[in-house]
Amino acid sequence: MGAFFRQLRAEVIKLRRSPALRALWLLPLLFLLAEFLVFERPLLGLQALTADARTTLSTLQPKLVVALWGGFFHPLLLALLPALVFRPEHRFKTWRHLYAMPTSRRGFFLAKAALVMLLVAALLAGIGLLLFAGRKLLGWANPLLAQPYPALLMVRLMGWLWLGSLPLLALYLWVADRINSMAVPVVFGLVGLILTIALSGEELPQPWRRDLIPWVLPYAVTERLVHKGPTQQEVHSAGKLFQPEPNVLRLPSGKKIKTWQNIPDEVLNAPPPPTPVWLLAAFSAGAGLLLLALGCADAGRHRN
């Protein structure tokens, strides 16, 4: 155990001048800037707060964490961080030097995996604290906007986001250890983002087939916490433009015709229940541990 903590400490030291450290503050900064400039700054000029505006304000930050961070920035972070953590060894070809030292090859992999998972957890906690500070500053700038911070919901969101990311993190760690290329994780991240955009919001007879895809899983587990309405799942924000409009018939010419029926579609054809929470949690933990074990076993191979 002492050797493992020494390896973990060595990884922390290497992180000081690594591009991974820049990614850890750059992506949250972009998210927070977009969250404030696009969604919260227009509220500063409000002279009166209606009931609808108060409801929107109270749910704005949790929904943005799911749609903006969980839907765009978080998948990119998961793809880049493991590759950047393994980058020094691949770039300077230090594998033979490291493996000539009295340290375990698998222990070296586990130290990097533990570092990545701790960094993701710390980053998510930091985002929650910065959103809390932003809510307080918003209330200071305009007293009408001084609303209670949904602390419990944000803690649950960040916790589920971390848990749902474990299978994908373990897979990316395995890939980053095996392949010396930054392009591969980027391609994996883009493919995962496209899968999330395309599959989220789809009404399926067995929604677990969609939700348990590792790339869709982080969005699926957090969307459950803020979901409202009769549908199984809210569609990804980038895919809303491609969704059919309710009670609207589009002709081949492109013309839209408004339709009407006595019984709404969501009542007449009620969707099946969503994926159980216990299944999402069990799959996240189980698949994450399995992929991490496979990556650790593969890390003991002889390198050329």
Protein backbone atom coordinates (compact mmCIF):
# COMPACT_ATOMS: atom_id res chain seq x y z
CA MET A 1 0.00 0.00 0.00
CA GLY A 2 2.89 2.35 0.73
CA ALA A 3 4.30 1.77 -2.77
CA PHE A 4 0.93 2.60 -4.31
CA PHE A 5 0.71 5.92 -2.49
CA ARG A 6 4.27 6.76 -3.54
CA GLN A 7 3.30 6.08 -7.15
CA LEU A 8 0.18 8.21 -6.72
CA ARG A 9 2.28 11.03 -5.30
CA ALA A 10 4.64 10.77 -8.29
CA GLU A 11 1.66 11.10 -10.64
CA VAL A 12 0.52 14.23 -8.81
CA ILE A 13 3.99 15.73 -9.22
CA LYS A 14 3.99 14.96 -12.95
CA LEU A 15 0.57 16.58 -13.23
CA ARG A 16 1.94 20.02 -12.32
CA ARG A 17 3.26 20.74 -15.81
CA SER A 18 0.93 18.49 -17.74
CA PRO A 19 -1.66 19.68 -20.30
CA ALA A 20 -4.17 17.68 -18.23
CA LEU A 21 -4.03 20.39 -15.58
CA ARG A 22 -4.97 23.03 -18.14
CA ALA A 23 -7.91 20.92 -19.34
CA LEU A 24 -9.10 20.62 -15.74
CA TRP A 25 -9.62 24.37 -15.38
CA LEU A 26 -10.27 25.36 -18.99
CA LEU A 27 -13.36 23.20 -19.59
CA PRO A 28 -15.12 24.18 -16.33
CA LEU A 29 -14.27 27.82 -17.03
CA LEU A 30 -15.87 27.62 -20.48
CA PHE A 31 -18.95 25.97 -18.97
CA LEU A 32 -19.31 28.59 -16.24
CA LEU A 33 -18.83 31.45 -18.70
CA ALA A 34 -21.47 30.02 -21.02
CA GLU A 35 -23.81 29.40 -18.09
CA PHE A 36 -23.53 33.00 -16.87
CA LEU A 37 -23.26 34.97 -20.12
CA VAL A 38 -25.95 33.13 -22.06
CA PHE A 39 -28.45 32.10 -19.40
CA GLU A 40 -28.02 34.13 -16.19
CA ARG A 41 -26.78 37.54 -17.33
CA PRO A 42 -30.10 38.41 -19.07
CA LEU A 43 -31.85 37.94 -15.70
CA LEU A 44 -29.88 40.76 -14.07
CA GLY A 45 -32.12 43.38 -15.67
CA LEU A 46 -35.38 41.99 -14.30
CA GLN A 47 -37.47 44.52 -12.39
CA ALA A 48 -40.06 41.99 -11.25
CA LEU A 49 -39.96 38.23 -10.77
CA THR A 50 -43.02 36.33 -11.93
CA ALA A 51 -43.94 32.86 -10.75
CA ASP A 52 -42.74 31.34 -14.03
CA ALA A 53 -39.44 33.23 -13.84
CA ARG A 54 -38.93 32.08 -10.24
CA THR A 55 -39.54 28.46 -11.23
CA THR A 56 -37.16 28.80 -14.17
CA LEU A 57 -34.46 30.33 -11.97
CA SER A 58 -34.76 27.62 -9.31
CA THR A 59 -34.25 24.83 -11.87
CA LEU A 60 -31.85 26.63 -14.21
CA GLN A 61 -28.53 25.50 -12.78
CA PRO A 62 -29.41 21.78 -12.35
CA LYS A 63 -30.78 21.63 -15.89
CA LEU A 64 -27.68 23.34 -17.27
CA VAL A 65 -25.44 20.87 -15.43
CA VAL A 66 -27.26 18.04 -17.22
CA ALA A 67 -27.73 19.64 -20.64
CA LEU A 68 -24.60 21.77 -21.02
CA TRP A 69 -21.96 20.17 -18.80
CA GLY A 70 -23.19 16.57 -18.93
CA GLY A 71 -24.16 16.83 -22.59
CA PHE A 72 -21.07 18.58 -24.02
CA PHE A 73 -18.14 19.42 -21.73
CA HIS A 74 -18.14 16.29 -19.55
CA PRO A 75 -17.86 13.79 -22.46
CA LEU A 76 -14.95 15.81 -23.84
CA LEU A 77 -13.22 15.84 -20.46
CA LEU A 78 -13.64 12.07 -20.04
CA ALA A 79 -12.05 11.48 -23.46
CA LEU A 80 -9.11 13.86 -23.01
CA LEU A 81 -8.07 13.44 -19.37
CA PRO A 82 -6.87 9.78 -19.42
CA ALA A 83 -4.97 10.37 -22.67
CA LEU A 84 -3.28 13.49 -21.25
CA VAL A 85 -2.34 11.68 -18.03
CA PHE A 86 -0.63 8.90 -20.01
CA ARG A 87 0.88 11.34 -22.51
CA PRO A 88 4.28 11.92 -20.77
CA GLU A 89 5.16 8.20 -20.84
CA HIS A 90 4.12 7.79 -24.47
CA ARG A 91 5.73 11.01 -25.63
CA PHE A 92 9.14 10.53 -23.99
CA LYS A 93 9.12 6.70 -24.22
CA THR A 94 9.89 6.19 -20.55
CA TRP A 95 8.20 2.80 -20.22
CA ARG A 96 11.46 0.81 -20.00
CA HIS A 97 12.85 3.18 -17.40
CA LEU A 98 9.68 2.97 -15.29
CA TYR A 99 9.46 -0.80 -15.53
CA ALA A 100 13.15 -1.17 -14.63
CA MET A 101 12.31 0.39 -11.27
CA PRO A 102 11.11 -1.79 -8.36
CA THR A 103 7.46 -0.96 -9.00
CA SER A 104 4.59 -3.03 -10.29
CA ARG A 105 3.38 -2.43 -13.83
CA ARG A 106 -0.20 -2.88 -12.74
CA GLY A 107 0.38 -0.65 -9.74
CA PHE A 108 1.53 2.07 -12.11
CA PHE A 109 -1.72 1.74 -14.10
CA LEU A 110 -3.85 1.73 -10.94
CA ALA A 111 -2.10 4.85 -9.66
CA LYS A 112 -2.97 6.71 -12.86
CA ALA A 113 -6.55 5.37 -12.75
CA ALA A 114 -6.98 6.48 -9.14
CA LEU A 115 -5.57 9.91 -9.99
CA VAL A 116 -7.97 10.37 -12.93
CA MET A 117 -11.02 9.33 -10.91
CA LEU A 118 -10.04 11.59 -8.02
CA LEU A 119 -9.50 14.49 -10.41
CA VAL A 120 -12.93 14.02 -11.97
CA ALA A 121 -14.56 13.85 -8.53
CA ALA A 122 -12.72 16.98 -7.36
CA LEU A 123 -13.60 18.83 -10.56
CA LEU A 124 -17.30 18.01 -10.20
CA ALA A 125 -17.25 19.16 -6.58
CA GLY A 126 -15.51 22.37 -7.63
CA ILE A 127 -18.13 23.06 -10.28
CA GLY A 128 -20.85 22.65 -7.67
CA LEU A 129 -19.12 25.13 -5.34
CA LEU A 130 -18.57 27.64 -8.14
CA LEU A 131 -22.23 27.42 -9.15
CA PHE A 132 -23.14 28.09 -5.52
CA ALA A 133 -20.86 31.15 -5.51
CA GLY A 134 -22.37 32.29 -8.81
CA ARG A 135 -25.89 32.02 -7.39
CA LYS A 136 -24.86 34.14 -4.39
CA LEU A 137 -23.26 36.79 -6.64
CA LEU A 138 -26.38 36.83 -8.80
CA GLY A 139 -28.52 37.51 -5.74
CA TRP A 140 -26.11 40.24 -4.60
CA ALA A 141 -26.28 41.96 -8.02
CA ASN A 142 -30.08 41.76 -8.16
CA PRO A 143 -31.88 40.98 -4.86
CA LEU A 144 -34.87 39.64 -6.82
CA LEU A 145 -32.68 36.74 -7.93
CA ALA A 146 -31.67 35.72 -4.40
CA GLN A 147 -33.09 32.19 -4.54
CA PRO A 148 -32.13 29.17 -2.39
CA TYR A 149 -29.37 27.07 -3.89
CA PRO A 150 -30.51 23.46 -4.61
CA ALA A 151 -27.56 22.00 -2.72
CA LEU A 152 -28.95 18.49 -2.21
CA LEU A 153 -29.97 18.15 -5.86
CA MET A 154 -26.57 19.40 -7.04
CA VAL A 155 -24.76 16.91 -4.78
CA ARG A 156 -26.88 14.10 -6.18
CA LEU A 157 -26.26 15.29 -9.75
CA MET A 158 -22.49 15.42 -9.30
CA GLY A 159 -22.42 12.07 -7.52
CA TRP A 160 -24.48 10.33 -10.18
CA LEU A 161 -22.46 11.99 -12.93
CA TRP A 162 -19.25 10.60 -11.41
CA LEU A 163 -20.73 7.14 -10.85
CA GLY A 164 -22.20 6.98 -14.36
CA SER A 165 -18.83 7.96 -15.84
CA LEU A 166 -16.91 5.04 -14.29
CA PRO A 167 -17.34 2.56 -17.19
CA LEU A 168 -16.31 5.16 -19.74
CA LEU A 169 -13.35 6.35 -17.65
CA ALA A 170 -12.13 2.78 -17.18
CA LEU A 171 -12.41 2.14 -20.93
CA TYR A 172 -10.56 5.36 -21.80
CA LEU A 173 -7.81 4.54 -19.29
CA TRP A 174 -7.34 1.14 -20.91
CA VAL A 175 -7.24 2.69 -24.39
CA ALA A 176 -4.86 5.48 -23.28
CA ASP A 177 -2.46 2.93 -21.78
CA ARG A 178 -2.57 0.71 -24.85
CA ILE A 179 -2.50 3.28 -27.71
CA ASN A 180 -0.01 6.11 -28.17
CA SER A 181 -2.32 8.57 -29.92
CA MET A 182 -4.38 11.57 -28.87
CA ALA A 183 -6.61 11.15 -31.92
CA VAL A 184 -8.12 7.87 -30.72
CA PRO A 185 -9.73 9.19 -27.50
CA VAL A 186 -10.93 12.28 -29.34
CA VAL A 187 -12.65 10.06 -31.93
CA PHE A 188 -14.14 7.95 -29.13
CA GLY A 189 -15.41 11.10 -27.45
CA LEU A 190 -17.01 12.43 -30.64
CA VAL A 191 -18.64 9.08 -31.35
CA GLY A 192 -20.00 8.99 -27.82
CA LEU A 193 -21.37 12.52 -28.13
CA ILE A 194 -23.10 11.62 -31.40
CA LEU A 195 -24.58 8.52 -29.78
CA THR A 196 -25.92 10.58 -26.88
CA ILE A 197 -27.45 13.17 -29.21
CA ALA A 198 -29.00 10.53 -31.47
CA LEU A 199 -30.32 8.12 -28.84
CA SER A 200 -31.45 10.41 -26.01
CA GLY A 201 -35.17 11.03 -25.98
CA GLU A 202 -35.95 7.91 -28.01
CA GLU A 203 -39.00 6.08 -26.68
CA LEU A 204 -37.97 2.43 -26.47
CA PRO A 205 -39.88 -0.62 -25.21
CA GLN A 206 -36.79 -1.49 -23.15
CA PRO A 207 -35.05 1.81 -22.33
CA TRP A 208 -32.18 0.06 -20.52
CA ARG A 209 -30.78 -0.90 -23.93
CA ARG A 210 -30.18 2.80 -24.56
CA ASP A 211 -29.30 3.96 -21.05
CA LEU A 212 -26.68 1.27 -20.37
CA ILE A 213 -24.51 2.25 -23.34
CA PRO A 214 -21.39 3.62 -21.57
CA TRP A 215 -21.37 6.84 -23.63
CA VAL A 216 -25.06 7.52 -22.95
CA LEU A 217 -24.95 6.44 -19.31
CA PRO A 218 -23.64 9.70 -17.70
CA TYR A 219 -26.38 11.71 -19.41
CA ALA A 220 -29.05 9.10 -18.63
CA VAL A 221 -28.36 8.88 -14.89
CA THR A 222 -28.35 12.66 -14.36
CA GLU A 223 -31.29 13.41 -16.64
CA ARG A 224 -33.44 11.21 -14.40
CA LEU A 225 -32.99 13.68 -11.53
CA VAL A 226 -34.36 16.71 -13.39
CA HIS A 227 -36.77 14.97 -15.76
CA LYS A 228 -40.34 16.23 -15.90
CA GLY A 229 -43.21 15.08 -18.08
CA PRO A 230 -44.59 11.78 -19.38
CA THR A 231 -41.70 10.90 -21.70
CA GLN A 232 -38.99 8.45 -20.72
CA GLN A 233 -36.16 10.90 -21.22
CA GLU A 234 -35.59 14.49 -22.31
CA VAL A 235 -33.79 14.69 -25.62
CA HIS A 236 -30.23 16.04 -25.74
CA SER A 237 -30.21 19.80 -26.35
CA ALA A 238 -28.34 19.37 -29.64
CA GLY A 239 -30.94 16.92 -30.92
CA LYS A 240 -34.08 18.92 -30.19
CA LEU A 241 -34.07 20.50 -33.65
CA PHE A 242 -34.41 17.04 -35.20
CA GLN A 243 -37.28 15.84 -33.02
CA PRO A 244 -40.85 15.70 -34.39
CA GLU A 245 -43.10 18.40 -32.98
CA PRO A 246 -46.10 17.19 -30.98
CA ASN A 247 -49.47 17.46 -32.74
CA VAL A 248 -47.81 18.70 -35.94
CA LEU A 249 -47.91 16.86 -39.28
CA ARG A 250 -45.15 17.80 -41.73
CA LEU A 251 -46.02 17.32 -45.41
CA PRO A 252 -43.41 16.29 -48.02
CA SER A 253 -43.42 19.88 -49.24
CA GLY A 254 -42.26 21.05 -45.81
CA LYS A 255 -45.56 22.63 -44.83
CA LYS A 256 -46.71 22.05 -41.25
CA ILE A 257 -50.30 21.19 -40.36
CA LYS A 258 -51.51 21.46 -36.80
CA THR A 259 -53.47 18.37 -35.71
CA TRP A 260 -55.86 17.81 -32.83
CA GLN A 261 -57.11 14.73 -31.04
CA ASN A 262 -59.22 14.10 -27.98
CA ILE A 263 -56.61 11.97 -26.21
CA PRO A 264 -52.95 13.11 -26.25
CA ASP A 265 -50.38 10.70 -27.63
CA GLU A 266 -48.60 10.40 -24.27
CA VAL A 267 -51.87 9.21 -22.71
CA LEU A 268 -53.04 7.02 -25.59
CA ASN A 269 -49.62 5.39 -26.04
CA ALA A 270 -47.99 5.76 -22.66
CA PRO A 271 -44.26 4.96 -22.75
CA PRO A 272 -42.93 2.07 -20.67
CA PRO A 273 -41.32 2.92 -17.33
CA PRO A 274 -37.74 4.24 -17.39
CA THR A 275 -34.69 2.21 -16.43
CA PRO A 276 -34.66 1.50 -12.67
CA VAL A 277 -32.19 3.52 -10.64
CA TRP A 278 -30.73 0.43 -8.99
CA LEU A 279 -29.90 -1.02 -12.42
CA LEU A 280 -28.13 2.18 -13.51
CA ALA A 281 -26.09 2.24 -10.30
CA ALA A 282 -25.24 -1.49 -10.36
CA PHE A 283 -24.21 -1.39 -14.02
CA SER A 284 -22.08 1.75 -13.51
CA ALA A 285 -20.17 0.22 -10.61
CA GLY A 286 -19.96 -3.28 -12.05
CA ALA A 287 -18.94 -2.32 -15.58
CA GLY A 288 -16.47 0.25 -14.25
CA LEU A 289 -14.76 -2.33 -12.02
CA LEU A 290 -14.74 -4.95 -14.79
CA LEU A 291 -13.17 -2.65 -17.40
CA LEU A 292 -10.69 -1.35 -14.84
CA ALA A 293 -9.69 -4.93 -13.97
CA LEU A 294 -9.23 -5.78 -17.66
CA GLY A 295 -7.14 -2.66 -18.20
CA CYS A 296 -5.05 -3.46 -15.13
CA ALA A 297 -4.47 -7.04 -16.31
CA ASP A 298 -3.46 -5.79 -19.75
CA ALA A 299 -1.08 -3.23 -18.20
CA GLY A 300 1.21 -6.07 -17.08
CA ARG A 301 2.20 -6.93 -20.66
CA HIS A 302 5.75 -6.51 -21.95
CA ARG A 303 6.23 -3.32 -23.96
CA ASN A 304 8.60 -3.04 -26.90
